[in-house]
C-alpha atoms as a PDB file:
ATOM      1  CA  MET A   1       0.376   9.485   8.492  1.00  0.00           C
ATOM      2  CA  LYS A   2      -0.657  10.959   5.015  1.00  0.00           C
ATOM      3  CA  LEU A   3      -0.061   9.655   1.634  1.00  0.00           C
ATOM      4  CA  GLU A   4       1.512  12.841   0.597  1.00  0.00           C
ATOM      5  CA  LEU A   5       4.919  12.370   2.956  1.00  0.00           C
ATOM      6  CA  LEU A   6       5.894   9.059   1.188  1.00  0.00           C
ATOM      7  CA  VAL A   7       8.821   9.770  -1.268  1.00  0.00           C
ATOM      8  CA  PRO A   8       9.360   8.876  -4.014  1.00  0.00           C
ATOM      9  CA  GLN A   9       5.700   9.708  -4.251  1.00  0.00           C
ATOM     10  CA  PRO A  10       2.781   6.967  -5.650  1.00  0.00           C
ATOM     11  CA  ARG A  11       2.397   7.879  -9.212  1.00  0.00           C
ATOM     12  CA  ALA A  12      -0.739   6.178  -9.719  1.00  0.00           C
ATOM     13  CA  SER A  13      -4.138   5.527  -7.637  1.00  0.00           C
ATOM     14  CA  GLU A  14      -7.373   3.282  -8.118  1.00  0.00           C
ATOM     15  CA  SER A  15     -10.553   2.734  -5.793  1.00  0.00           C
ATOM     16  CA  PHE A  16      -9.635  -0.261  -3.918  1.00  0.00           C
ATOM     17  CA  ARG A  17     -12.484  -2.308  -5.457  1.00  0.00           C
ATOM     18  CA  ARG A  18     -12.604  -5.541  -7.217  1.00  0.00           C
ATOM     19  CA  SER A  19     -14.328  -3.790 -10.105  1.00  0.00           C
ATOM     20  CA  ARG A  20     -11.243  -1.340 -10.813  1.00  0.00           C
ATOM     21  CA  GLU A  21      -8.833  -4.057 -10.523  1.00  0.00           C
ATOM     22  CA  ARG A  22      -8.503  -4.158 -14.217  1.00  0.00           C
ATOM     23  CA  PHE A  23      -7.004  -0.807 -13.993  1.00  0.00           C
ATOM     24  CA  ILE A  24      -3.923  -1.676 -12.052  1.00  0.00           C
ATOM     25  CA  PRO A  25      -0.956  -3.247 -13.863  1.00  0.00           C
ATOM     26  CA  GLU A  26       0.654  -6.727 -13.615  1.00  0.00           C
ATOM     27  CA  LYS A  27       4.098  -5.138 -12.993  1.00  0.00           C
ATOM     28  CA  PRO A  28       6.151  -4.776  -9.881  1.00  0.00           C
ATOM     29  CA  GLY A  29       5.837  -2.161  -7.759  1.00  0.00           C
ATOM     30  CA  CYS A  30       5.094  -0.800  -4.256  1.00  0.00           C
ATOM     31  CA  TYR A  31       1.588   0.278  -3.036  1.00  0.00           C
ATOM     32  CA  ALA A  32      -0.197   1.738   0.005  1.00  0.00           C
ATOM     33  CA  LEU A  33      -3.720   1.247   1.091  1.00  0.00           C
ATOM     34  CA  THR A  34      -5.242   4.217   2.592  1.00  0.00           C
ATOM     35  CA  THR A  35      -8.244   5.892   3.624  1.00  0.00           C
ATOM     36  CA  PHE A  36     -10.497   8.180   1.865  1.00  0.00           C
ATOM     37  CA  GLU A  37      -8.426  10.830   3.262  1.00  0.00           C
ATOM     38  CA  ARG A  38      -5.291   9.351   2.284  1.00  0.00           C
ATOM     39  CA  HIS A  39      -4.264   8.171   5.726  1.00  0.00           C
ATOM     40  CA  ILE A  40      -1.967   4.923   5.062  1.00  0.00           C
ATOM     41  CA  LEU A  41      -3.353   1.825   6.428  1.00  0.00           C
ATOM     42  CA  TYR A  42      -0.903  -0.659   4.567  1.00  0.00           C
ATOM     43  CA  ILE A  43       2.298  -0.283   2.993  1.00  0.00           C
ATOM     44  CA  GLY A  44       3.853  -3.390   0.672  1.00  0.00           C
ATOM     45  CA  LEU A  45       5.520  -4.410  -2.379  1.00  0.00           C
ATOM     46  CA  THR A  46       4.995  -6.825  -4.945  1.00  0.00           C
ATOM     47  CA  VAL A  47       6.091  -8.393  -8.321  1.00  0.00           C
ATOM     48  CA  ASN A  48       2.568  -8.309  -9.920  1.00  0.00           C
ATOM     49  CA  LEU A  49       0.545  -5.042  -8.251  1.00  0.00           C
ATOM     50  CA  ARG A  50      -2.853  -6.347  -9.757  1.00  0.00           C
ATOM     51  CA  ARG A  51      -2.460  -9.982  -8.500  1.00  0.00           C
ATOM     52  CA  ARG A  52      -1.424  -8.523  -4.887  1.00  0.00           C
ATOM     53  CA  VAL A  53      -4.390  -6.193  -4.873  1.00  0.00           C
ATOM     54  CA  ASN A  54      -6.828  -8.908  -5.626  1.00  0.00           C
ATOM     55  CA  GLU A  55      -5.286 -11.033  -2.676  1.00  0.00           C
ATOM     56  CA  HIS A  56      -5.855  -7.924  -0.370  1.00  0.00           C
ATOM     57  CA  LEU A  57      -9.338  -7.631  -1.800  1.00  0.00           C
ATOM     58  CA  ASP A  58      -9.932 -11.323  -0.563  1.00  0.00           C
ATOM     59  CA  SER A  59      -8.658 -10.481   2.953  1.00  0.00           C
ATOM     60  CA  VAL A  60     -11.021  -9.510   5.634  1.00  0.00           C
ATOM     61  CA  ALA A  61      -8.261  -7.839   7.451  1.00  0.00           C
ATOM     62  CA  LYS A  62      -7.507  -5.452   4.654  1.00  0.00           C
ATOM     63  CA  THR A  63     -11.227  -4.848   3.735  1.00  0.00           C
ATOM     64  CA  GLU A  64     -13.045  -4.442   7.105  1.00  0.00           C
ATOM     65  CA  LEU A  65     -13.195  -1.329   9.225  1.00  0.00           C
ATOM     66  CA  THR A  66     -10.216  -0.528  11.109  1.00  0.00           C
ATOM     67  CA  PRO A  67      -9.564   2.062  14.088  1.00  0.00           C
ATOM     68  CA  ALA A  68      -8.125   4.203  11.883  1.00  0.00           C
ATOM     69  CA  GLY A  69     -10.971   3.998   8.994  1.00  0.00           C
ATOM     70  CA  ARG A  70     -11.261   1.486   5.914  1.00  0.00           C
ATOM     71  CA  ALA A  71      -9.090   1.123   3.075  1.00  0.00           C
ATOM     72  CA  VAL A  72     -10.767   2.596  -0.065  1.00  0.00           C
ATOM     73  CA  LEU A  73      -7.714   3.587  -2.292  1.00  0.00           C
ATOM     74  CA  VAL A  74      -4.808   1.803  -3.651  1.00  0.00           C
ATOM     75  CA  HIS A  75      -2.104   3.980  -4.746  1.00  0.00           C
ATOM     76  CA  TRP A  76       1.391   2.667  -6.292  1.00  0.00           C
ATOM     77  CA  ILE A  77       4.825   3.347  -8.288  1.00  0.00           C
ATOM     78  CA  GLU A  78       6.201   1.022 -10.887  1.00  0.00           C
ATOM     79  CA  THR A  79       9.655   0.082  -9.609  1.00  0.00           C
ATOM     80  CA  ALA A  80      11.938  -2.620  -9.966  1.00  0.00           C
ATOM     81  CA  GLU A  81      13.447  -1.318  -6.856  1.00  0.00           C
ATOM     82  CA  VAL A  82      10.559  -2.922  -4.786  1.00  0.00           C
ATOM     83  CA  ASN A  83      12.635  -3.427  -1.242  1.00  0.00           C
ATOM     84  CA  LYS A  84      14.633  -0.042  -1.646  1.00  0.00           C
ATOM     85  CA  VAL A  85      11.256   1.755  -1.999  1.00  0.00           C
ATOM     86  CA  GLU A  86       9.262   0.016   0.475  1.00  0.00           C
ATOM     87  CA  ARG A  87      12.046   0.218   3.001  1.00  0.00           C
ATOM     88  CA  THR A  88      12.018   4.200   2.525  1.00  0.00           C
ATOM     89  CA  TRP A  89       8.291   4.351   2.677  1.00  0.00           C
ATOM     90  CA  MET A  90       8.424   2.182   6.049  1.00  0.00           C
ATOM     91  CA  ASN A  91      11.173   4.397   7.317  1.00  0.00           C
ATOM     92  CA  ILE A  92       9.102   7.518   6.909  1.00  0.00           C
ATOM     93  CA  HIS A  93       6.203   6.058   8.397  1.00  0.00           C
ATOM     94  CA  LEU A  94       8.150   5.064  11.214  1.00  0.00           C
ATOM     95  CA  ILE A  95       9.717   8.264  11.878  1.00  0.00           C
ATOM     96  CA  GLU A  96       6.347  10.287  11.041  1.00  0.00           C
ATOM     97  CA  GLU A  97       3.999   8.079  13.442  1.00  0.00           C
ATOM     98  CA  GLY A  98       6.541   5.756  15.827  1.00  0.00           C
ATOM     99  CA  ARG A  99       5.113   2.688  14.531  1.00  0.00           C
ATOM    100  CA  LEU A 100       4.304   0.837  11.200  1.00  0.00           C
ATOM    101  CA  PRO A 101       1.188   1.355   9.396  1.00  0.00           C
ATOM    102  CA  GLY A 102      -1.745  -0.180  11.259  1.00  0.00           C
ATOM    103  CA  LEU A 103      -2.329  -3.072   9.008  1.00  0.00           C
ATOM    104  CA  ASN A 104       1.366  -4.101   8.722  1.00  0.00           C
ATOM    105  CA  ARG A 105       2.500  -6.910  10.688  1.00  0.00           C
ATOM    106  CA  VAL A 106       6.115  -7.188  10.025  1.00  0.00           C
ATOM    107  CA  TYR A 107       8.860  -4.954   9.013  1.00  0.00           C
ATOM    108  CA  SER A 108      10.940  -6.869   6.099  1.00  0.00           C
ATOM    109  CA  PRO A 109      11.068  -6.342   2.480  1.00  0.00           C
ATOM    110  CA  THR A 110      10.364  -9.458   0.894  1.00  0.00           C
ATOM    111  CA  SER A 111       8.952  -9.924  -2.726  1.00  0.00           C
ATOM    112  CA  ALA A 112       5.474 -11.212  -2.664  1.00  0.00           C
END
């Protein structure tokens, strides 16, 4: 599924690379990891976007090549309503694709 179908739309994006992490805020929000073509590979929520992206950069599962492609971009929306936004994004993905994003293992919004 393409990123453009998410509602609300992420308002910012950055390359999914360690050298770019300083441009990601240390604020709560929801985020999506995508391929260059903006196909969603993972949807998540967090109380600290920068820290969570760094944790994903340390994860082989999030940085290796998948059947759908490699995560090269991170898109996010700063929000205090992380559970609501993540659940909405997951529901949109389930409706469009009939499944969770390829790198998501569970569908239960909890703060990270």
